[in-house]
Amino acid sequence: GVVSRTDCVDTLYYGTDYQSHLGTQFGGLAIQGDRLHRAIHRIARGQFKNLFDDFHHNYSGKMGVGVISDSDPQPIVLGGRHGTSTLVTSGLITNTQKLANELAAEGITFSEIEDGELNQTELVAKIIAQGDTIEEGIKNVFGRIEGSISLLLMNDRGIYAACDPHG
């Protein structure tokens, strides 16, 4: 994540590319400029720089998040009572299905399903949205998950960075 007084697209682009390596499935960038711009690409068979070159040259902003993911297309953009947020995660939640079943029983639906698997970033987003505040929602994530997760959540106020106690 980057927050800057000047345009940060170069730092975001090169910093995210630096994290890419063989075996990763997805890369994603989101930058807040005149409006939110987001791009997600499958990078398993292509170079990050080639796939995100248009994004790098066509958008600008003073705040952004990037992610390299082994399994989930992200960043996720969500809207709700806490406003519009962009979320990226890294880690492995081992009780994903249990949490998804609990949320589904409460009437919460999921839309980000890849190859029949629930997107754990969307799961985290749904848990955060249940909090009275974003901060409370993030604390709820770490109280409910089993495994390990780190996250960046960007909204119009800034970027929240958090990791579980094992991170």
C-alpha atoms as a PDB file:
ATOM      1  CA  GLY A   1       0.000   0.000   0.000  1.00  0.00           C
ATOM      2  CA  VAL A   2       1.125   3.526  -0.773  1.00  0.00           C
ATOM      3  CA  VAL A   3      -0.068   6.923   0.459  1.00  0.00           C
ATOM      4  CA  SER A   4       1.784   9.916  -0.961  1.00  0.00           C
ATOM      5  CA  ARG A   5       1.572  13.682  -1.337  1.00  0.00           C
ATOM      6  CA  THR A   6       2.318  13.184  -5.048  1.00  0.00           C
ATOM      7  CA  ASP A   7       1.390  10.600  -7.658  1.00  0.00           C
ATOM      8  CA  CYS A   8       2.219   7.104  -6.376  1.00  0.00           C
ATOM      9  CA  VAL A   9       1.464   4.904  -9.400  1.00  0.00           C
ATOM     10  CA  ASP A  10       5.156   4.195 -10.131  1.00  0.00           C
ATOM     11  CA  THR A  11       5.836   3.125  -6.543  1.00  0.00           C
ATOM     12  CA  LEU A  12       2.699   0.968  -6.476  1.00  0.00           C
ATOM     13  CA  TYR A  13       3.395  -0.617  -9.874  1.00  0.00           C
ATOM     14  CA  TYR A  14       7.061  -1.452  -9.299  1.00  0.00           C
ATOM     15  CA  GLY A  15       6.570  -2.396  -5.644  1.00  0.00           C
ATOM     16  CA  THR A  16       3.822  -4.872  -6.505  1.00  0.00           C
ATOM     17  CA  ASP A  17       5.765  -6.272  -9.454  1.00  0.00           C
ATOM     18  CA  TYR A  18       8.750  -6.856  -7.142  1.00  0.00           C
ATOM     19  CA  GLN A  19       6.574  -9.256  -5.116  1.00  0.00           C
ATOM     20  CA  SER A  20       5.554 -11.380  -8.129  1.00  0.00           C
ATOM     21  CA  HIS A  21       7.272 -14.714  -8.682  1.00  0.00           C
ATOM     22  CA  LEU A  22       6.703 -18.043 -10.384  1.00  0.00           C
ATOM     23  CA  GLY A  23       3.720 -19.901  -9.012  1.00  0.00           C
ATOM     24  CA  THR A  24       1.523 -16.909  -8.256  1.00  0.00           C
ATOM     25  CA  GLN A  25      -1.859 -16.850  -9.938  1.00  0.00           C
ATOM     26  CA  PHE A  26      -3.163 -13.273  -9.781  1.00  0.00           C
ATOM     27  CA  GLY A  27      -1.912  -9.721  -9.594  1.00  0.00           C
ATOM     28  CA  GLY A  28      -4.033  -6.713  -8.820  1.00  0.00           C
ATOM     29  CA  LEU A  29      -3.750  -2.962  -8.438  1.00  0.00           C
ATOM     30  CA  ALA A  30      -6.165  -0.286  -7.260  1.00  0.00           C
ATOM     31  CA  ILE A  31      -5.402   3.414  -7.190  1.00  0.00           C
ATOM     32  CA  GLN A  32      -7.492   6.287  -5.875  1.00  0.00           C
ATOM     33  CA  GLY A  33      -7.224   9.267  -8.175  1.00  0.00           C
ATOM     34  CA  ASP A  34     -10.077  11.340  -9.555  1.00  0.00           C
ATOM     35  CA  ARG A  35     -11.976   8.077  -9.006  1.00  0.00           C
ATOM     36  CA  LEU A  36     -11.060   4.510  -8.091  1.00  0.00           C
ATOM     37  CA  HIS A  37      -9.315   2.484 -10.809  1.00  0.00           C
ATOM     38  CA  ARG A  38      -8.734  -1.243 -10.434  1.00  0.00           C
ATOM     39  CA  ALA A  39      -7.173  -3.991 -12.533  1.00  0.00           C
ATOM     40  CA  ILE A  40      -6.815  -7.728 -11.895  1.00  0.00           C
ATOM     41  CA  HIS A  41      -4.936 -10.118 -14.165  1.00  0.00           C
ATOM     42  CA  ARG A  42      -4.067 -13.800 -14.118  1.00  0.00           C
ATOM     43  CA  ILE A  43      -0.254 -13.720 -14.044  1.00  0.00           C
ATOM     44  CA  ALA A  44       0.465 -17.459 -13.940  1.00  0.00           C
ATOM     45  CA  ARG A  45       1.482 -17.399 -17.617  1.00  0.00           C
ATOM     46  CA  GLY A  46       2.520 -13.809 -18.132  1.00  0.00           C
ATOM     47  CA  GLN A  47       4.723 -11.122 -16.693  1.00  0.00           C
ATOM     48  CA  PHE A  48       3.192  -8.649 -14.284  1.00  0.00           C
ATOM     49  CA  LYS A  49       4.737  -5.634 -16.048  1.00  0.00           C
ATOM     50  CA  ASN A  50       3.342  -6.587 -19.449  1.00  0.00           C
ATOM     51  CA  LEU A  51      -0.168  -7.154 -18.107  1.00  0.00           C
ATOM     52  CA  PHE A  52      -0.323  -3.945 -16.045  1.00  0.00           C
ATOM     53  CA  ASP A  53       1.532  -1.604 -18.413  1.00  0.00           C
ATOM     54  CA  ASP A  54      -1.675   0.174 -19.531  1.00  0.00           C
ATOM     55  CA  PHE A  55      -2.731   0.677 -15.908  1.00  0.00           C
ATOM     56  CA  HIS A  56       0.706   2.073 -15.085  1.00  0.00           C
ATOM     57  CA  HIS A  57       0.619   4.618 -17.910  1.00  0.00           C
ATOM     58  CA  ASN A  58      -3.065   5.594 -17.841  1.00  0.00           C
ATOM     59  CA  TYR A  59      -3.889   6.191 -14.171  1.00  0.00           C
ATOM     60  CA  SER A  60      -2.577   8.320 -11.366  1.00  0.00           C
ATOM     61  CA  GLY A  61      -3.405   8.949  -7.763  1.00  0.00           C
ATOM     62  CA  LYS A  62      -1.984   9.622  -4.337  1.00  0.00           C
ATOM     63  CA  MET A  63      -3.093   6.381  -2.706  1.00  0.00           C
ATOM     64  CA  GLY A  64      -3.166   2.769  -3.861  1.00  0.00           C
ATOM     65  CA  VAL A  65      -2.906  -0.913  -2.971  1.00  0.00           C
ATOM     66  CA  GLY A  66      -1.372  -3.784  -4.901  1.00  0.00           C
ATOM     67  CA  VAL A  67      -1.390  -7.533  -4.380  1.00  0.00           C
ATOM     68  CA  ILE A  68       0.138 -10.733  -5.661  1.00  0.00           C
ATOM     69  CA  SER A  69      -2.092 -13.698  -4.824  1.00  0.00           C
ATOM     70  CA  ASP A  70      -1.604 -17.434  -4.970  1.00  0.00           C
ATOM     71  CA  SER A  71      -5.320 -18.143  -5.175  1.00  0.00           C
ATOM     72  CA  ASP A  72      -7.781 -15.225  -5.217  1.00  0.00           C
ATOM     73  CA  PRO A  73      -8.489 -12.538  -7.815  1.00  0.00           C
ATOM     74  CA  GLN A  74      -8.215  -9.264  -5.918  1.00  0.00           C
ATOM     75  CA  PRO A  75      -8.432  -6.368  -4.931  1.00  0.00           C
ATOM     76  CA  ILE A  76     -12.071  -6.575  -3.950  1.00  0.00           C
ATOM     77  CA  VAL A  77     -14.041  -3.311  -4.087  1.00  0.00           C
ATOM     78  CA  LEU A  78     -16.928  -3.183  -1.664  1.00  0.00           C
ATOM     79  CA  GLY A  79     -19.576  -0.670  -0.781  1.00  0.00           C
ATOM     80  CA  GLY A  80     -21.714  -0.569   2.315  1.00  0.00           C
ATOM     81  CA  ARG A  81     -22.449   1.318   5.476  1.00  0.00           C
ATOM     82  CA  HIS A  82     -18.738   2.094   5.908  1.00  0.00           C
ATOM     83  CA  GLY A  83     -18.524   3.636   2.433  1.00  0.00           C
ATOM     84  CA  THR A  84     -16.494   2.334  -0.485  1.00  0.00           C
ATOM     85  CA  SER A  85     -13.373   0.349   0.377  1.00  0.00           C
ATOM     86  CA  THR A  86     -10.785  -1.664  -1.506  1.00  0.00           C
ATOM     87  CA  LEU A  87      -9.419  -4.787   0.187  1.00  0.00           C
ATOM     88  CA  VAL A  88      -6.428  -7.061  -0.452  1.00  0.00           C
ATOM     89  CA  THR A  89      -5.346 -10.009   1.682  1.00  0.00           C
ATOM     90  CA  SER A  90      -2.513 -12.481   1.929  1.00  0.00           C
ATOM     91  CA  GLY A  91      -2.585 -15.677   3.955  1.00  0.00           C
ATOM     92  CA  LEU A  92      -4.537 -18.843   4.465  1.00  0.00           C
ATOM     93  CA  ILE A  93      -7.787 -19.144   6.392  1.00  0.00           C
ATOM     94  CA  THR A  94      -8.329 -22.781   7.363  1.00  0.00           C
ATOM     95  CA  ASN A  95     -11.960 -22.430   8.478  1.00  0.00           C
ATOM     96  CA  THR A  96     -13.226 -20.685   5.331  1.00  0.00           C
ATOM     97  CA  GLN A  97     -16.146 -23.028   4.712  1.00  0.00           C
ATOM     98  CA  LYS A  98     -17.325 -22.923   8.329  1.00  0.00           C
ATOM     99  CA  LEU A  99     -17.319 -19.108   8.313  1.00  0.00           C
ATOM    100  CA  ALA A 100     -19.031 -18.998   4.903  1.00  0.00           C
ATOM    101  CA  ASN A 101     -21.769 -21.303   6.178  1.00  0.00           C
ATOM    102  CA  GLU A 102     -22.284 -19.126   9.262  1.00  0.00           C
ATOM    103  CA  LEU A 103     -22.530 -15.973   7.153  1.00  0.00           C
ATOM    104  CA  ALA A 104     -24.847 -17.639   4.628  1.00  0.00           C
ATOM    105  CA  ALA A 105     -27.150 -18.646   7.506  1.00  0.00           C
ATOM    106  CA  GLU A 106     -27.346 -14.917   8.354  1.00  0.00           C
ATOM    107  CA  GLY A 107     -28.440 -14.165   4.777  1.00  0.00           C
ATOM    108  CA  ILE A 108     -25.092 -12.954   3.460  1.00  0.00           C
ATOM    109  CA  THR A 109     -24.292 -13.926  -0.129  1.00  0.00           C
ATOM    110  CA  PHE A 110     -20.967 -14.363  -1.909  1.00  0.00           C
ATOM    111  CA  SER A 111     -20.212 -13.436  -5.501  1.00  0.00           C
ATOM    112  CA  GLU A 112     -16.441 -13.900  -5.891  1.00  0.00           C
ATOM    113  CA  ILE A 113     -16.137 -17.632  -6.554  1.00  0.00           C
ATOM    114  CA  GLU A 114     -13.195 -18.907  -8.624  1.00  0.00           C
ATOM    115  CA  ASP A 115     -13.075 -22.538  -9.793  1.00  0.00           C
ATOM    116  CA  GLY A 116     -15.752 -23.450  -7.244  1.00  0.00           C
ATOM    117  CA  GLU A 117     -13.764 -21.980  -4.339  1.00  0.00           C
ATOM    118  CA  LEU A 118     -14.875 -19.059  -2.208  1.00  0.00           C
ATOM    119  CA  ASN A 119     -12.606 -16.029  -2.431  1.00  0.00           C
ATOM    120  CA  GLN A 120     -11.156 -15.610   1.076  1.00  0.00           C
ATOM    121  CA  THR A 121     -10.721 -11.871   0.489  1.00  0.00           C
ATOM    122  CA  GLU A 122     -14.468 -11.539  -0.033  1.00  0.00           C
ATOM    123  CA  LEU A 123     -15.049 -13.590   3.120  1.00  0.00           C
ATOM    124  CA  VAL A 124     -12.835 -11.176   5.073  1.00  0.00           C
ATOM    125  CA  ALA A 125     -14.709  -8.225   3.527  1.00  0.00           C
ATOM    126  CA  LYS A 126     -18.061  -9.634   4.654  1.00  0.00           C
ATOM    127  CA  ILE A 127     -16.794 -10.061   8.229  1.00  0.00           C
ATOM    128  CA  ILE A 128     -15.381  -6.513   8.283  1.00  0.00           C
ATOM    129  CA  ALA A 129     -18.728  -5.155   7.041  1.00  0.00           C
ATOM    130  CA  GLN A 130     -20.469  -6.648  10.075  1.00  0.00           C
ATOM    131  CA  GLY A 131     -18.542  -4.405  12.474  1.00  0.00           C
ATOM    132  CA  ASP A 132     -20.015  -1.120  13.693  1.00  0.00           C
ATOM    133  CA  THR A 133     -16.786   0.505  12.489  1.00  0.00           C
ATOM    134  CA  ILE A 134     -14.054  -0.617  10.098  1.00  0.00           C
ATOM    135  CA  GLU A 135     -11.683  -0.980  13.028  1.00  0.00           C
ATOM    136  CA  GLU A 136     -14.147  -3.202  14.894  1.00  0.00           C
ATOM    137  CA  GLY A 137     -14.753  -5.222  11.737  1.00  0.00           C
ATOM    138  CA  ILE A 138     -11.020  -5.841  11.307  1.00  0.00           C
ATOM    139  CA  LYS A 139     -10.771  -6.966  14.948  1.00  0.00           C
ATOM    140  CA  ASN A 140     -13.703  -9.329  14.309  1.00  0.00           C
ATOM    141  CA  VAL A 141     -11.805 -10.932  11.417  1.00  0.00           C
ATOM    142  CA  PHE A 142      -8.923 -11.870  13.681  1.00  0.00           C
ATOM    143  CA  GLY A 143     -11.309 -13.157  16.337  1.00  0.00           C
ATOM    144  CA  ARG A 144     -13.114 -15.467  13.924  1.00  0.00           C
ATOM    145  CA  ILE A 145     -10.546 -16.869  11.520  1.00  0.00           C
ATOM    146  CA  GLU A 146      -8.335 -19.870  12.015  1.00  0.00           C
ATOM    147  CA  GLY A 147      -5.048 -19.684  10.147  1.00  0.00           C
ATOM    148  CA  SER A 148      -3.259 -16.502   9.229  1.00  0.00           C
ATOM    149  CA  ILE A 149      -4.150 -13.398   7.246  1.00  0.00           C
ATOM    150  CA  SER A 150      -2.709  -9.955   6.570  1.00  0.00           C
ATOM    151  CA  LEU A 151      -4.784  -7.235   4.956  1.00  0.00           C
ATOM    152  CA  LEU A 152      -4.758  -3.765   3.488  1.00  0.00           C
ATOM    153  CA  LEU A 153      -8.039  -1.852   3.346  1.00  0.00           C
ATOM    154  CA  MET A 154      -8.104   1.443   1.442  1.00  0.00           C
ATOM    155  CA  ASN A 155     -10.882   3.982   1.710  1.00  0.00           C
ATOM    156  CA  ASP A 156     -11.158   7.749   1.274  1.00  0.00           C
ATOM    157  CA  ARG A 157      -9.496   8.325   4.684  1.00  0.00           C
ATOM    158  CA  GLY A 158      -6.370   6.246   4.072  1.00  0.00           C
ATOM    159  CA  ILE A 159      -5.069   2.691   4.233  1.00  0.00           C
ATOM    160  CA  TYR A 160      -5.560   0.316   7.155  1.00  0.00           C
ATOM    161  CA  ALA A 161      -2.869  -2.355   7.485  1.00  0.00           C
ATOM    162  CA  ALA A 162      -3.396  -5.304   9.843  1.00  0.00           C
ATOM    163  CA  CYS A 163      -2.218  -8.845  10.451  1.00  0.00           C
ATOM    164  CA  ASP A 164      -3.281 -11.625  12.748  1.00  0.00           C
ATOM    165  CA  PRO A 165      -1.306 -12.320  15.966  1.00  0.00           C
ATOM    166  CA  HIS A 166       0.795 -14.925  14.078  1.00  0.00           C
ATOM    167  CA  GLY A 167       1.722 -12.509  11.260  1.00  0.00           C
END
